[in-house]
PDB file of N, CA and C in Angstrom:
ATOM      1  N   MET A   1       0.213  -4.206  14.121  1.00  0.00           N
ATOM      2  CA  MET A   1      -0.463  -5.016  15.130  1.00  0.00           C
ATOM      3  C   MET A   1      -1.840  -5.461  14.644  1.00  0.00           C
ATOM      4  N   THR A   2      -2.045  -5.503  13.333  1.00  0.00           N
ATOM      5  CA  THR A   2      -3.333  -5.945  12.816  1.00  0.00           C
ATOM      6  C   THR A   2      -3.472  -7.458  12.821  1.00  0.00           C
ATOM      7  N   TYR A   3      -2.390  -8.155  13.135  1.00  0.00           N
ATOM      8  CA  TYR A   3      -2.443  -9.604  13.309  1.00  0.00           C
ATOM      9  C   TYR A   3      -2.038  -9.931  14.738  1.00  0.00           C
ATOM     10  N   ASP A   4      -2.672 -10.943  15.317  1.00  0.00           N
ATOM     11  CA  ASP A   4      -2.261 -11.359  16.657  1.00  0.00           C
ATOM     12  C   ASP A   4      -1.085 -12.330  16.545  1.00  0.00           C
ATOM     13  N   SER A   5      -0.623 -12.836  17.672  1.00  0.00           N
ATOM     14  CA  SER A   5       0.568 -13.699  17.674  1.00  0.00           C
ATOM     15  C   SER A   5       0.334 -15.038  16.991  1.00  0.00           C
ATOM     16  N   GLU A   6      -0.931 -15.385  16.738  1.00  0.00           N
ATOM     17  CA  GLU A   6      -1.240 -16.634  16.042  1.00  0.00           C
ATOM     18  C   GLU A   6      -1.604 -16.408  14.578  1.00  0.00           C
ATOM     19  N   GLY A   7      -1.428 -15.182  14.101  1.00  0.00           N
ATOM     20  CA  GLY A   7      -1.653 -14.896  12.695  1.00  0.00           C
ATOM     21  C   GLY A   7      -3.086 -14.579  12.311  1.00  0.00           C
ATOM     22  N   ARG A   8      -3.934 -14.305  13.284  1.00  0.00           N
ATOM     23  CA  ARG A   8      -5.329 -13.964  12.985  1.00  0.00           C
ATOM     24  C   ARG A   8      -5.458 -12.454  12.788  1.00  0.00           C
ATOM     25  N   PHE A   9      -6.224 -12.080  11.777  1.00  0.00           N
ATOM     26  CA  PHE A   9      -6.476 -10.672  11.483  1.00  0.00           C
ATOM     27  C   PHE A   9      -7.356 -10.069  12.568  1.00  0.00           C
ATOM     28  N   ARG A  10      -6.989  -8.877  13.035  1.00  0.00           N
ATOM     29  CA  ARG A  10      -7.755  -8.184  14.064  1.00  0.00           C
ATOM     30  C   ARG A  10      -8.342  -6.912  13.451  1.00  0.00           C
ATOM     31  N   PRO A  11      -9.612  -6.954  13.047  1.00  0.00           N
ATOM     32  CA  PRO A  11     -10.202  -5.821  12.329  1.00  0.00           C
ATOM     33  C   PRO A  11     -10.237  -4.523  13.131  1.00  0.00           C
ATOM     34  N   GLN A  12     -10.379  -4.589  14.435  1.00  0.00           N
ATOM     35  CA  GLN A  12     -10.442  -3.359  15.222  1.00  0.00           C
ATOM     36  C   GLN A  12      -9.117  -2.593  15.151  1.00  0.00           C
ATOM     37  N   GLN A  13      -7.993  -3.293  15.194  1.00  0.00           N
ATOM     38  CA  GLN A  13      -6.702  -2.624  15.091  1.00  0.00           C
ATOM     39  C   GLN A  13      -6.520  -2.013  13.711  1.00  0.00           C
ATOM     40  N   PHE A  14      -7.042  -2.684  12.696  1.00  0.00           N
ATOM     41  CA  PHE A  14      -7.003  -2.146  11.335  1.00  0.00           C
ATOM     42  C   PHE A  14      -7.786  -0.839  11.271  1.00  0.00           C
ATOM     43  N   GLU A  15      -8.982  -0.829  11.836  1.00  0.00           N
ATOM     44  CA  GLU A  15      -9.816   0.375  11.860  1.00  0.00           C
ATOM     45  C   GLU A  15      -9.148   1.484  12.667  1.00  0.00           C
ATOM     46  N   ASP A  16      -8.483   1.119  13.748  1.00  0.00           N
ATOM     47  CA  ASP A  16      -7.808   2.111  14.591  1.00  0.00           C
ATOM     48  C   ASP A  16      -6.720   2.856  13.832  1.00  0.00           C
ATOM     49  N   ILE A  17      -6.041   2.171  12.917  1.00  0.00           N
ATOM     50  CA  ILE A  17      -5.009   2.822  12.101  1.00  0.00           C
ATOM     51  C   ILE A  17      -5.620   3.973  11.319  1.00  0.00           C
ATOM     52  N   PHE A  18      -6.761   3.738  10.706  1.00  0.00           N
ATOM     53  CA  PHE A  18      -7.401   4.781   9.912  1.00  0.00           C
ATOM     54  C   PHE A  18      -7.980   5.877  10.787  1.00  0.00           C
ATOM     55  N   ALA A  19      -8.494   5.512  11.946  1.00  0.00           N
ATOM     56  CA  ALA A  19      -9.021   6.524  12.864  1.00  0.00           C
ATOM     57  C   ALA A  19      -7.907   7.472  13.311  1.00  0.00           C
ATOM     58  N   LYS A  20      -6.715   6.946  13.473  1.00  0.00           N
ATOM     59  CA  LYS A  20      -5.611   7.755  13.968  1.00  0.00           C
ATOM     60  C   LYS A  20      -4.854   8.498  12.870  1.00  0.00           C
ATOM     61  N   TYR A  21      -4.638   7.856  11.731  1.00  0.00           N
ATOM     62  CA  TYR A  21      -3.740   8.419  10.726  1.00  0.00           C
ATOM     63  C   TYR A  21      -4.425   8.952   9.469  1.00  0.00           C
ATOM     64  N   ASP A  22      -5.705   8.784   9.329  1.00  0.00           N
ATOM     65  CA  ASP A  22      -6.423   9.336   8.176  1.00  0.00           C
ATOM     66  C   ASP A  22      -6.731  10.804   8.459  1.00  0.00           C
ATOM     67  N   ARG A  23      -5.746  11.647   8.219  1.00  0.00           N
ATOM     68  CA  ARG A  23      -5.911  13.085   8.472  1.00  0.00           C
ATOM     69  C   ARG A  23      -6.869  13.676   7.460  1.00  0.00           C
ATOM     70  N   GLY A  24      -7.906  14.332   7.938  1.00  0.00           N
ATOM     71  CA  GLY A  24      -8.880  14.955   7.054  1.00  0.00           C
ATOM     72  C   GLY A  24     -10.034  14.041   6.682  1.00  0.00           C
ATOM     73  N   ASP A  25     -10.098  12.868   7.268  1.00  0.00           N
ATOM     74  CA  ASP A  25     -11.207  11.931   7.018  1.00  0.00           C
ATOM     75  C   ASP A  25     -11.439  11.678   5.528  1.00  0.00           C
ATOM     76  N   LYS A  26     -10.380  11.279   4.815  1.00  0.00           N
ATOM     77  CA  LYS A  26     -10.430  11.056   3.374  1.00  0.00           C
ATOM     78  C   LYS A  26     -10.956   9.680   2.995  1.00  0.00           C
ATOM     79  N   GLY A  27     -11.018   8.787   3.979  1.00  0.00           N
ATOM     80  CA  GLY A  27     -11.416   7.417   3.679  1.00  0.00           C
ATOM     81  C   GLY A  27     -10.248   6.553   3.245  1.00  0.00           C
ATOM     82  N   GLY A  28      -9.043   7.066   3.432  1.00  0.00           N
ATOM     83  CA  GLY A  28      -7.856   6.334   3.039  1.00  0.00           C
ATOM     84  C   GLY A  28      -6.617   7.045   3.533  1.00  0.00           C
ATOM     85  N   LEU A  29      -5.466   6.559   3.096  1.00  0.00           N
ATOM     86  CA  LEU A  29      -4.184   7.108   3.539  1.00  0.00           C
ATOM     87  C   LEU A  29      -3.372   7.581   2.350  1.00  0.00           C
ATOM     88  N   THR A  30      -2.766   8.746   2.486  1.00  0.00           N
ATOM     89  CA  THR A  30      -1.798   9.197   1.500  1.00  0.00           C
ATOM     90  C   THR A  30      -0.452   8.579   1.858  1.00  0.00           C
ATOM     91  N   PHE A  31       0.521   8.732   0.988  1.00  0.00           N
ATOM     92  CA  PHE A  31       1.841   8.190   1.292  1.00  0.00           C
ATOM     93  C   PHE A  31       2.422   8.885   2.519  1.00  0.00           C
ATOM     94  N   GLY A  32       2.152  10.179   2.677  1.00  0.00           N
ATOM     95  CA  GLY A  32       2.596  10.906   3.864  1.00  0.00           C
ATOM     96  C   GLY A  32       1.968  10.361   5.134  1.00  0.00           C
ATOM     97  N   ASP A  33       0.673  10.000   5.055  1.00  0.00           N
ATOM     98  CA  ASP A  33       0.002   9.389   6.207  1.00  0.00           C
ATOM     99  C   ASP A  33       0.664   8.069   6.579  1.00  0.00           C
ATOM    100  N   VAL A  34       1.058   7.305   5.567  1.00  0.00           N
ATOM    101  CA  VAL A  34       1.713   6.021   5.817  1.00  0.00           C
ATOM    102  C   VAL A  34       3.056   6.236   6.506  1.00  0.00           C
ATOM    103  N   LEU A  35       3.795   7.253   6.075  1.00  0.00           N
ATOM    104  CA  LEU A  35       5.071   7.542   6.729  1.00  0.00           C
ATOM    105  C   LEU A  35       4.853   7.946   8.184  1.00  0.00           C
ATOM    106  N   CYS A  36       3.817   8.745   8.450  1.00  0.00           N
ATOM    107  CA  CYS A  36       3.488   9.108   9.840  1.00  0.00           C
ATOM    108  C   CYS A  36       3.101   7.872  10.642  1.00  0.00           C
ATOM    109  N   MET A  37       2.370   6.962  10.002  1.00  0.00           N
ATOM    110  CA  MET A  37       1.965   5.737  10.684  1.00  0.00           C
ATOM    111  C   MET A  37       3.198   4.905  11.048  1.00  0.00           C
ATOM    112  N   TRP A  38       4.109   4.736  10.096  1.00  0.00           N
ATOM    113  CA  TRP A  38       5.322   3.975  10.378  1.00  0.00           C
ATOM    114  C   TRP A  38       6.067   4.585  11.554  1.00  0.00           C
ATOM    115  N   SER A  39       6.172   5.906  11.566  1.00  0.00           N
ATOM    116  CA  SER A  39       6.875   6.584  12.643  1.00  0.00           C
ATOM    117  C   SER A  39       6.136   6.431  13.972  1.00  0.00           C
ATOM    118  N   GLY A  40       4.820   6.536  13.945  1.00  0.00           N
ATOM    119  CA  GLY A  40       4.022   6.485  15.160  1.00  0.00           C
ATOM    120  C   GLY A  40       3.800   5.109  15.729  1.00  0.00           C
ATOM    121  N   GLN A  41       4.065   4.077  14.959  1.00  0.00           N
ATOM    122  CA  GLN A  41       3.823   2.712  15.415  1.00  0.00           C
ATOM    123  C   GLN A  41       5.087   2.008  15.901  1.00  0.00           C
ATOM    124  N   LYS A  42       6.133   2.768  16.155  1.00  0.00           N
ATOM    125  CA  LYS A  42       7.377   2.165  16.641  1.00  0.00           C
ATOM    126  C   LYS A  42       7.156   1.527  18.000  1.00  0.00           C
ATOM    127  N   MET A  43       7.750   0.379  18.188  1.00  0.00           N
ATOM    128  CA  MET A  43       7.677  -0.328  19.458  1.00  0.00           C
ATOM    129  C   MET A  43       8.970  -0.062  20.250  1.00  0.00           C
ATOM    130  N   VAL A  44       8.838   0.080  21.554  1.00  0.00           N
ATOM    131  CA  VAL A  44       9.998   0.309  22.415  1.00  0.00           C
ATOM    132  C   VAL A  44      10.943  -0.889  22.308  1.00  0.00           C
ATOM    133  N   PHE A  45      12.207  -0.618  22.160  1.00  0.00           N
ATOM    134  CA  PHE A  45      13.269  -1.624  22.078  1.00  0.00           C
ATOM    135  C   PHE A  45      13.136  -2.559  20.870  1.00  0.00           C
ATOM    136  N   ASP A  46      12.396  -2.139  19.857  1.00  0.00           N
ATOM    137  CA  ASP A  46      12.297  -2.928  18.624  1.00  0.00           C
ATOM    138  C   ASP A  46      13.318  -2.373  17.628  1.00  0.00           C
ATOM    139  N   PHE A  47      14.574  -2.585  17.941  1.00  0.00           N
ATOM    140  CA  PHE A  47      15.637  -2.006  17.135  1.00  0.00           C
ATOM    141  C   PHE A  47      15.616  -2.540  15.707  1.00  0.00           C
ATOM    142  N   PHE A  48      15.270  -3.796  15.551  1.00  0.00           N
ATOM    143  CA  PHE A  48      15.177  -4.355  14.190  1.00  0.00           C
ATOM    144  C   PHE A  48      14.085  -3.642  13.403  1.00  0.00           C
ATOM    145  N   GLY A  49      12.928  -3.449  14.012  1.00  0.00           N
ATOM    146  CA  GLY A  49      11.823  -2.765  13.342  1.00  0.00           C
ATOM    147  C   GLY A  49      12.171  -1.339  12.970  1.00  0.00           C
ATOM    148  N   TRP A  50      12.843  -0.619  13.877  1.00  0.00           N
ATOM    149  CA  TRP A  50      13.258   0.746  13.585  1.00  0.00           C
ATOM    150  C   TRP A  50      14.224   0.761  12.406  1.00  0.00           C
ATOM    151  N   SER A  51      15.180  -0.173  12.444  1.00  0.00           N
ATOM    152  CA  SER A  51      16.180  -0.233  11.381  1.00  0.00           C
ATOM    153  C   SER A  51      15.541  -0.557  10.046  1.00  0.00           C
ATOM    154  N   ALA A  52      14.638  -1.520  10.052  1.00  0.00           N
ATOM    155  CA  ALA A  52      13.987  -1.924   8.804  1.00  0.00           C
ATOM    156  C   ALA A  52      13.170  -0.773   8.218  1.00  0.00           C
ATOM    157  N   THR A  53      12.441  -0.059   9.065  1.00  0.00           N
ATOM    158  CA  THR A  53      11.655   1.073   8.585  1.00  0.00           C
ATOM    159  C   THR A  53      12.565   2.168   8.062  1.00  0.00           C
ATOM    160  N   PHE A  54      13.619   2.464   8.809  1.00  0.00           N
ATOM    161  CA  PHE A  54      14.559   3.488   8.378  1.00  0.00           C
ATOM    162  C   PHE A  54      15.184   3.116   7.038  1.00  0.00           C
ATOM    163  N   LEU A  55      15.650   1.872   6.932  1.00  0.00           N
ATOM    164  CA  LEU A  55      16.283   1.441   5.689  1.00  0.00           C
ATOM    165  C   LEU A  55      15.294   1.430   4.535  1.00  0.00           C
ATOM    166  N   GLU A  56      14.057   1.065   4.816  1.00  0.00           N
ATOM    167  CA  GLU A  56      13.048   1.075   3.759  1.00  0.00           C
ATOM    168  C   GLU A  56      12.826   2.484   3.256  1.00  0.00           C
ATOM    169  N   CYS A  57      12.724   3.439   4.184  1.00  0.00           N
ATOM    170  CA  CYS A  57      12.522   4.832   3.774  1.00  0.00           C
ATOM    171  C   CYS A  57      13.747   5.359   3.044  1.00  0.00           C
ATOM    172  N   GLU A  58      14.947   5.033   3.534  1.00  0.00           N
ATOM    173  CA  GLU A  58      16.159   5.467   2.858  1.00  0.00           C
ATOM    174  C   GLU A  58      16.238   4.856   1.462  1.00  0.00           C
ATOM    175  N   TYR A  59      15.875   3.574   1.352  1.00  0.00           N
ATOM    176  CA  TYR A  59      15.886   2.902   0.058  1.00  0.00           C
ATOM    177  C   TYR A  59      14.899   3.570  -0.887  1.00  0.00           C
ATOM    178  N   LEU A  60      13.742   3.936  -0.361  1.00  0.00           N
ATOM    179  CA  LEU A  60      12.721   4.610  -1.155  1.00  0.00           C
ATOM    180  C   LEU A  60      13.242   5.927  -1.694  1.00  0.00           C
ATOM    181  N   ILE A  61      13.834   6.735  -0.832  1.00  0.00           N
ATOM    182  CA  ILE A  61      14.347   8.038  -1.253  1.00  0.00           C
ATOM    183  C   ILE A  61      15.458   7.872  -2.274  1.00  0.00           C
ATOM    184  N   ALA A  62      16.388   6.950  -2.009  1.00  0.00           N
ATOM    185  CA  ALA A  62      17.492   6.715  -2.941  1.00  0.00           C
ATOM    186  C   ALA A  62      16.991   6.185  -4.280  1.00  0.00           C
ATOM    187  N   SER A  63      15.993   5.320  -4.238  1.00  0.00           N
ATOM    188  CA  SER A  63      15.470   4.745  -5.469  1.00  0.00           C
ATOM    189  C   SER A  63      14.760   5.781  -6.313  1.00  0.00           C
ATOM    190  N   ILE A  64      14.003   6.656  -5.661  1.00  0.00           N
ATOM    191  CA  ILE A  64      13.320   7.716  -6.402  1.00  0.00           C
ATOM    192  C   ILE A  64      14.349   8.649  -7.024  1.00  0.00           C
ATOM    193  N   ALA A  65      15.385   8.988  -6.249  1.00  0.00           N
ATOM    194  CA  ALA A  65      16.410   9.900  -6.735  1.00  0.00           C
ATOM    195  C   ALA A  65      17.173   9.309  -7.918  1.00  0.00           C
ATOM    196  N   SER A  66      17.423   8.003  -7.894  1.00  0.00           N
ATOM    197  CA  SER A  66      18.207   7.391  -8.965  1.00  0.00           C
ATOM    198  C   SER A  66      17.339   6.677  -9.999  1.00  0.00           C
ATOM    199  N   ASN A  67      16.012   6.747  -9.835  1.00  0.00           N
ATOM    200  CA  ASN A  67      15.065   6.144 -10.768  1.00  0.00           C
ATOM    201  C   ASN A  67      15.279   4.632 -10.907  1.00  0.00           C
ATOM    202  N   VAL A  68      15.578   3.968  -9.787  1.00  0.00           N
ATOM    203  CA  VAL A  68      15.787   2.527  -9.745  1.00  0.00           C
ATOM    204  C   VAL A  68      14.442   1.847  -9.533  1.00  0.00           C
ATOM    205  N   ARG A  69      14.302   0.625 -10.010  1.00  0.00           N
ATOM    206  CA  ARG A  69      13.057  -0.118  -9.791  1.00  0.00           C
ATOM    207  C   ARG A  69      12.840  -0.325  -8.296  1.00  0.00           C
ATOM    208  N   LEU A  70      11.622  -0.001  -7.802  1.00  0.00           N
ATOM    209  CA  LEU A  70      11.328  -0.038  -6.375  1.00  0.00           C
ATOM    210  C   LEU A  70      10.631  -1.340  -6.026  1.00  0.00           C
ATOM    211  N   THR A  71      11.142  -2.028  -5.001  1.00  0.00           N
ATOM    212  CA  THR A  71      10.564  -3.324  -4.670  1.00  0.00           C
ATOM    213  C   THR A  71      10.274  -3.496  -3.194  1.00  0.00           C
ATOM    214  N   ARG A  72      10.344  -2.467  -2.390  1.00  0.00           N
ATOM    215  CA  ARG A  72      10.098  -2.614  -0.961  1.00  0.00           C
ATOM    216  C   ARG A  72       8.607  -2.801  -0.700  1.00  0.00           C
ATOM    217  N   VAL A  73       8.295  -3.457   0.395  1.00  0.00           N
ATOM    218  CA  VAL A  73       6.918  -3.834   0.681  1.00  0.00           C
ATOM    219  C   VAL A  73       5.983  -2.637   0.798  1.00  0.00           C
ATOM    220  N   GLY A  74       6.333  -1.624   1.591  1.00  0.00           N
ATOM    221  CA  GLY A  74       5.457  -0.477   1.755  1.00  0.00           C
ATOM    222  C   GLY A  74       5.211   0.239   0.448  1.00  0.00           C
ATOM    223  N   LEU A  75       6.262   0.463  -0.300  1.00  0.00           N
ATOM    224  CA  LEU A  75       6.124   1.132  -1.576  1.00  0.00           C
ATOM    225  C   LEU A  75       5.460   0.217  -2.594  1.00  0.00           C
ATOM    226  N   ALA A  76       5.750  -1.066  -2.519  1.00  0.00           N
ATOM    227  CA  ALA A  76       5.118  -2.009  -3.445  1.00  0.00           C
ATOM    228  C   ALA A  76       3.601  -1.977  -3.285  1.00  0.00           C
ATOM    229  N   THR A  77       3.144  -1.846  -2.053  1.00  0.00           N
ATOM    230  CA  THR A  77       1.703  -1.743  -1.807  1.00  0.00           C
ATOM    231  C   THR A  77       1.151  -0.487  -2.449  1.00  0.00           C
ATOM    232  N   TYR A  78       1.845   0.628  -2.261  1.00  0.00           N
ATOM    233  CA  TYR A  78       1.398   1.887  -2.853  1.00  0.00           C
ATOM    234  C   TYR A  78       1.367   1.780  -4.372  1.00  0.00           C
ATOM    235  N   LEU A  79       2.399   1.183  -4.940  1.00  0.00           N
ATOM    236  CA  LEU A  79       2.449   1.047  -6.391  1.00  0.00           C
ATOM    237  C   LEU A  79       1.377   0.081  -6.903  1.00  0.00           C
ATOM    238  N   LEU A  80       1.085  -0.959  -6.142  1.00  0.00           N
ATOM    239  CA  LEU A  80       0.036  -1.892  -6.535  1.00  0.00           C
ATOM    240  C   LEU A  80      -1.309  -1.178  -6.604  1.00  0.00           C
ATOM    241  N   LEU A  81      -1.586  -0.383  -5.606  1.00  0.00           N
ATOM    242  CA  LEU A  81      -2.863   0.332  -5.563  1.00  0.00           C
ATOM    243  C   LEU A  81      -2.866   1.542  -6.492  1.00  0.00           C
ATOM    244  N   TRP A  82      -1.749   2.187  -6.645  1.00  0.00           N
ATOM    245  CA  TRP A  82      -1.514   3.354  -7.494  1.00  0.00           C
ATOM    246  C   TRP A  82      -2.729   4.266  -7.576  1.00  0.00           C
ATOM    247  N   PRO A  83      -3.028   4.947  -6.488  1.00  0.00           N
ATOM    248  CA  PRO A  83      -4.206   5.806  -6.485  1.00  0.00           C
ATOM    249  C   PRO A  83      -4.009   7.053  -7.334  1.00  0.00           C
ATOM    250  N   ASP A  84      -4.993   7.359  -8.179  1.00  0.00           N
ATOM    251  CA  ASP A  84      -4.909   8.538  -9.042  1.00  0.00           C
ATOM    252  C   ASP A  84      -4.869   9.821  -8.227  1.00  0.00           C
ATOM    253  N   ASP A  85      -5.598   9.845  -7.119  1.00  0.00           N
ATOM    254  CA  ASP A  85      -5.651  11.041  -6.292  1.00  0.00           C
ATOM    255  C   ASP A  85      -4.653  11.000  -5.135  1.00  0.00           C
ATOM    256  N   GLY A  86      -3.825   9.953  -5.067  1.00  0.00           N
ATOM    257  CA  GLY A  86      -2.811   9.850  -4.024  1.00  0.00           C
ATOM    258  C   GLY A  86      -3.313   9.265  -2.718  1.00  0.00           C
ATOM    259  N   ILE A  87      -4.561   8.788  -2.680  1.00  0.00           N
ATOM    260  CA  ILE A  87      -5.128   8.245  -1.447  1.00  0.00           C
ATOM    261  C   ILE A  87      -5.380   6.753  -1.617  1.00  0.00           C
ATOM    262  N   MET A  88      -4.711   5.955  -0.784  1.00  0.00           N
ATOM    263  CA  MET A  88      -4.957   4.515  -0.786  1.00  0.00           C
ATOM    264  C   MET A  88      -6.219   4.272   0.031  1.00  0.00           C
ATOM    265  N   ARG A  89      -7.250   3.762  -0.592  1.00  0.00           N
ATOM    266  CA  ARG A  89      -8.547   3.564   0.059  1.00  0.00           C
ATOM    267  C   ARG A  89      -8.499   2.408   1.047  1.00  0.00           C
ATOM    268  N   LYS A  90      -9.296   2.540   2.092  1.00  0.00           N
ATOM    269  CA  LYS A  90      -9.342   1.538   3.155  1.00  0.00           C
ATOM    270  C   LYS A  90      -9.728   0.168   2.610  1.00  0.00           C
ATOM    271  N   ASP A  91     -10.712   0.120   1.718  1.00  0.00           N
ATOM    272  CA  ASP A  91     -11.147  -1.172   1.159  1.00  0.00           C
ATOM    273  C   ASP A  91     -10.041  -1.842   0.353  1.00  0.00           C
ATOM    274  N   ASP A  92      -9.268  -1.047  -0.373  1.00  0.00           N
ATOM    275  CA  ASP A  92      -8.170  -1.612  -1.151  1.00  0.00           C
ATOM    276  C   ASP A  92      -7.065  -2.144  -0.234  1.00  0.00           C
ATOM    277  N   ILE A  93      -6.761  -1.388   0.817  1.00  0.00           N
ATOM    278  CA  ILE A  93      -5.738  -1.844   1.762  1.00  0.00           C
ATOM    279  C   ILE A  93      -6.217  -3.106   2.466  1.00  0.00           C
ATOM    280  N   ARG A  94      -7.488  -3.137   2.824  1.00  0.00           N
ATOM    281  CA  ARG A  94      -8.049  -4.348   3.447  1.00  0.00           C
ATOM    282  C   ARG A  94      -7.940  -5.533   2.484  1.00  0.00           C
ATOM    283  N   GLY A  95      -8.090  -5.269   1.191  1.00  0.00           N
ATOM    284  CA  GLY A  95      -7.954  -6.313   0.187  1.00  0.00           C
ATOM    285  C   GLY A  95      -6.569  -6.931   0.147  1.00  0.00           C
ATOM    286  N   ILE A  96      -5.555  -6.165   0.566  1.00  0.00           N
ATOM    287  CA  ILE A  96      -4.206  -6.714   0.648  1.00  0.00           C
ATOM    288  C   ILE A  96      -4.142  -7.734   1.772  1.00  0.00           C
ATOM    289  N   TYR A  97      -4.810  -7.432   2.879  1.00  0.00           N
ATOM    290  CA  TYR A  97      -4.805  -8.346   4.022  1.00  0.00           C
ATOM    291  C   TYR A  97      -5.527  -9.656   3.706  1.00  0.00           C
ATOM    292  N   ASP A  98      -6.652  -9.582   2.979  1.00  0.00           N
ATOM    293  CA  ASP A  98      -7.403 -10.814   2.708  1.00  0.00           C
ATOM    294  C   ASP A  98      -7.107 -11.404   1.328  1.00  0.00           C
ATOM    295  N   GLY A  99      -6.280 -10.729   0.523  1.00  0.00           N
ATOM    296  CA  GLY A  99      -5.879 -11.247  -0.776  1.00  0.00           C
ATOM    297  C   GLY A  99      -6.799 -10.902  -1.927  1.00  0.00           C
ATOM    298  N   SER A 100      -7.924 -10.267  -1.663  1.00  0.00           N
ATOM    299  CA  SER A 100      -8.890  -9.985  -2.728  1.00  0.00           C
ATOM    300  C   SER A 100      -8.412  -8.918  -3.709  1.00  0.00           C
ATOM    301  N   ILE A 101      -7.474  -8.077  -3.301  1.00  0.00           N
ATOM    302  CA  ILE A 101      -6.992  -7.019  -4.188  1.00  0.00           C
ATOM    303  C   ILE A 101      -6.311  -7.603  -5.419  1.00  0.00           C
ATOM    304  N   PHE A 102      -5.703  -8.769  -5.274  1.00  0.00           N
ATOM    305  CA  PHE A 102      -4.990  -9.365  -6.397  1.00  0.00           C
ATOM    306  C   PHE A 102      -5.955  -9.841  -7.483  1.00  0.00           C
ATOM    307  N   TYR A 103      -7.117 -10.335  -7.077  1.00  0.00           N
ATOM    308  CA  TYR A 103      -8.137 -10.710  -8.051  1.00  0.00           C
ATOM    309  C   TYR A 103      -8.703  -9.473  -8.737  1.00  0.00           C
ATOM    310  N   LYS A 104      -8.884  -8.420  -7.973  1.00  0.00           N
ATOM    311  CA  LYS A 104      -9.397  -7.162  -8.528  1.00  0.00           C
ATOM    312  C   LYS A 104      -8.406  -6.590  -9.541  1.00  0.00           C
ATOM    313  N   LYS A 105      -7.130  -6.592  -9.201  1.00  0.00           N
ATOM    314  CA  LYS A 105      -6.108  -6.069 -10.105  1.00  0.00           C
ATOM    315  C   LYS A 105      -5.969  -6.935 -11.352  1.00  0.00           C
ATOM    316  N   GLU A 106      -6.124  -8.225 -11.199  1.00  0.00           N
ATOM    317  CA  GLU A 106      -6.079  -9.117 -12.361  1.00  0.00           C
ATOM    318  C   GLU A 106      -7.224  -8.815 -13.313  1.00  0.00           C
ATOM    319  N   ALA A 107      -8.417  -8.600 -12.769  1.00  0.00           N
ATOM    320  CA  ALA A 107      -9.574  -8.263 -13.598  1.00  0.00           C
ATOM    321  C   ALA A 107      -9.352  -6.929 -14.325  1.00  0.00           C
ATOM    322  N   GLU A 108      -8.781  -5.949 -13.635  1.00  0.00           N
ATOM    323  CA  GLU A 108      -8.472  -4.664 -14.264  1.00  0.00           C
ATOM    324  C   GLU A 108      -7.454  -4.846 -15.385  1.00  0.00           C
ATOM    325  N   HIS A 109      -6.453  -5.662 -15.135  1.00  0.00           N
ATOM    326  CA  HIS A 109      -5.423  -5.918 -16.134  1.00  0.00           C
ATOM    327  C   HIS A 109      -6.024  -6.582 -17.374  1.00  0.00           C
ATOM    328  N   GLN A 110      -6.883  -7.568 -17.150  1.00  0.00           N
ATOM    329  CA  GLN A 110      -7.526  -8.245 -18.284  1.00  0.00           C
ATOM    330  C   GLN A 110      -8.411  -7.289 -19.074  1.00  0.00           C
ATOM    331  N   ARG A 111      -9.127  -6.423 -18.369  1.00  0.00           N
ATOM    332  CA  ARG A 111     -10.002  -5.445 -19.034  1.00  0.00           C
ATOM    333  C   ARG A 111      -9.170  -4.487 -19.895  1.00  0.00           C
ATOM    334  N   LYS A 112      -8.058  -3.998 -19.363  1.00  0.00           N
ATOM    335  CA  LYS A 112      -7.183  -3.104 -20.121  1.00  0.00           C
ATOM    336  C   LYS A 112      -6.579  -3.818 -21.325  1.00  0.00           C
ATOM    337  N   LYS A 113      -6.232  -5.085 -21.134  1.00  0.00           N
ATOM    338  CA  LYS A 113      -5.666  -5.889 -22.220  1.00  0.00           C
ATOM    339  C   LYS A 113      -6.682  -6.045 -23.359  1.00  0.00           C
ATOM    340  N   GLU A 114      -7.941  -6.303 -22.987  1.00  0.00           N
ATOM    341  CA  GLU A 114      -9.012  -6.433 -23.982  1.00  0.00           C
ATOM    342  C   GLU A 114      -9.246  -5.124 -24.729  1.00  0.00           C
ATOM    343  N   LEU A 115      -9.232  -4.018 -24.009  1.00  0.00           N
ATOM    344  CA  LEU A 115      -9.424  -2.715 -24.653  1.00  0.00           C
ATOM    345  C   LEU A 115      -8.313  -2.426 -25.653  1.00  0.00           C
ATOM    346  N   LYS A 116      -7.078  -2.731 -25.278  1.00  0.00           N
ATOM    347  CA  LYS A 116      -5.960  -2.544 -26.206  1.00  0.00           C
ATOM    348  C   LYS A 116      -6.129  -3.406 -27.444  1.00  0.00           C
ATOM    349  N   LYS A 117      -6.561  -4.632 -27.222  1.00  0.00           N
ATOM    350  CA  LYS A 117      -6.758  -5.556 -28.338  1.00  0.00           C
ATOM    351  C   LYS A 117      -7.858  -5.039 -29.260  1.00  0.00           C
ATOM    352  N   GLN A 118      -8.951  -4.553 -28.689  1.00  0.00           N
ATOM    353  CA  GLN A 118     -10.053  -4.014 -29.500  1.00  0.00           C
ATOM    354  C   GLN A 118      -9.617  -2.790 -30.272  1.00  0.00           C
ATOM    355  N   ARG A 119      -8.831  -1.920 -29.662  1.00  0.00           N
ATOM    356  CA  ARG A 119      -8.339  -0.720 -30.369  1.00  0.00           C
ATOM    357  C   ARG A 119      -7.434  -1.104 -31.516  1.00  0.00           C
ATOM    358  N   LEU A 120      -6.605  -2.123 -31.308  1.00  0.00           N
ATOM    359  CA  LEU A 120      -5.696  -2.578 -32.345  1.00  0.00           C
ATOM    360  C   LEU A 120      -6.485  -3.142 -33.519  1.00  0.00           C
ATOM    361  N   VAL A 121      -7.519  -3.910 -33.233  1.00  0.00           N
ATOM    362  CA  VAL A 121      -8.351  -4.506 -34.285  1.00  0.00           C
ATOM    363  C   VAL A 121      -9.077  -3.411 -35.063  1.00  0.00           C
ATOM    364  N   LYS A 122      -9.560  -2.372 -34.397  1.00  0.00           N
ATOM    365  CA  LYS A 122     -10.261  -1.272 -35.063  1.00  0.00           C
ATOM    366  C   LYS A 122      -9.345  -0.493 -35.978  1.00  0.00           C
ATOM    367  N   ARG A 123      -8.072  -0.387 -35.652  1.00  0.00           N
ATOM    368  CA  ARG A 123      -7.122   0.342 -36.480  1.00  0.00           C
ATOM    369  C   ARG A 123      -6.834  -0.387 -37.778  1.00  0.00           C
ATOM    370  N   MET A 124      -6.962  -1.695 -37.753  1.00  0.00           N
ATOM    371  CA  MET A 124      -6.646  -2.490 -38.941  1.00  0.00           C
ATOM    372  C   MET A 124      -7.773  -2.499 -39.876  1.00  0.00           C
TER     373      MET A 124
END
């Protein structure tokens, strides 16, 4: 519910998610917190939403078990952010909503690419 019916971002609802599901005041969400959020945000008579969440979680479990490439939206977000400590930070998640995370990740990718190139040149 972080967007209204006209597609506008509602920052208070975004903040409310963290106030409710950020157990331990970590400044972000673990994957377990996200699963609790999905479960806690179910809408009455939203059978499609329940099914989609259930299937996404089932797909996630099956994919991990069979080591298949994971492409679901919730997991894709986690993989995009790939937190070293397991906590997706609020600023990074907000960056998904406004699109800024993609520029940040591109800059990180370019920096890593340059470092690899410099290491390769030093070896020669």
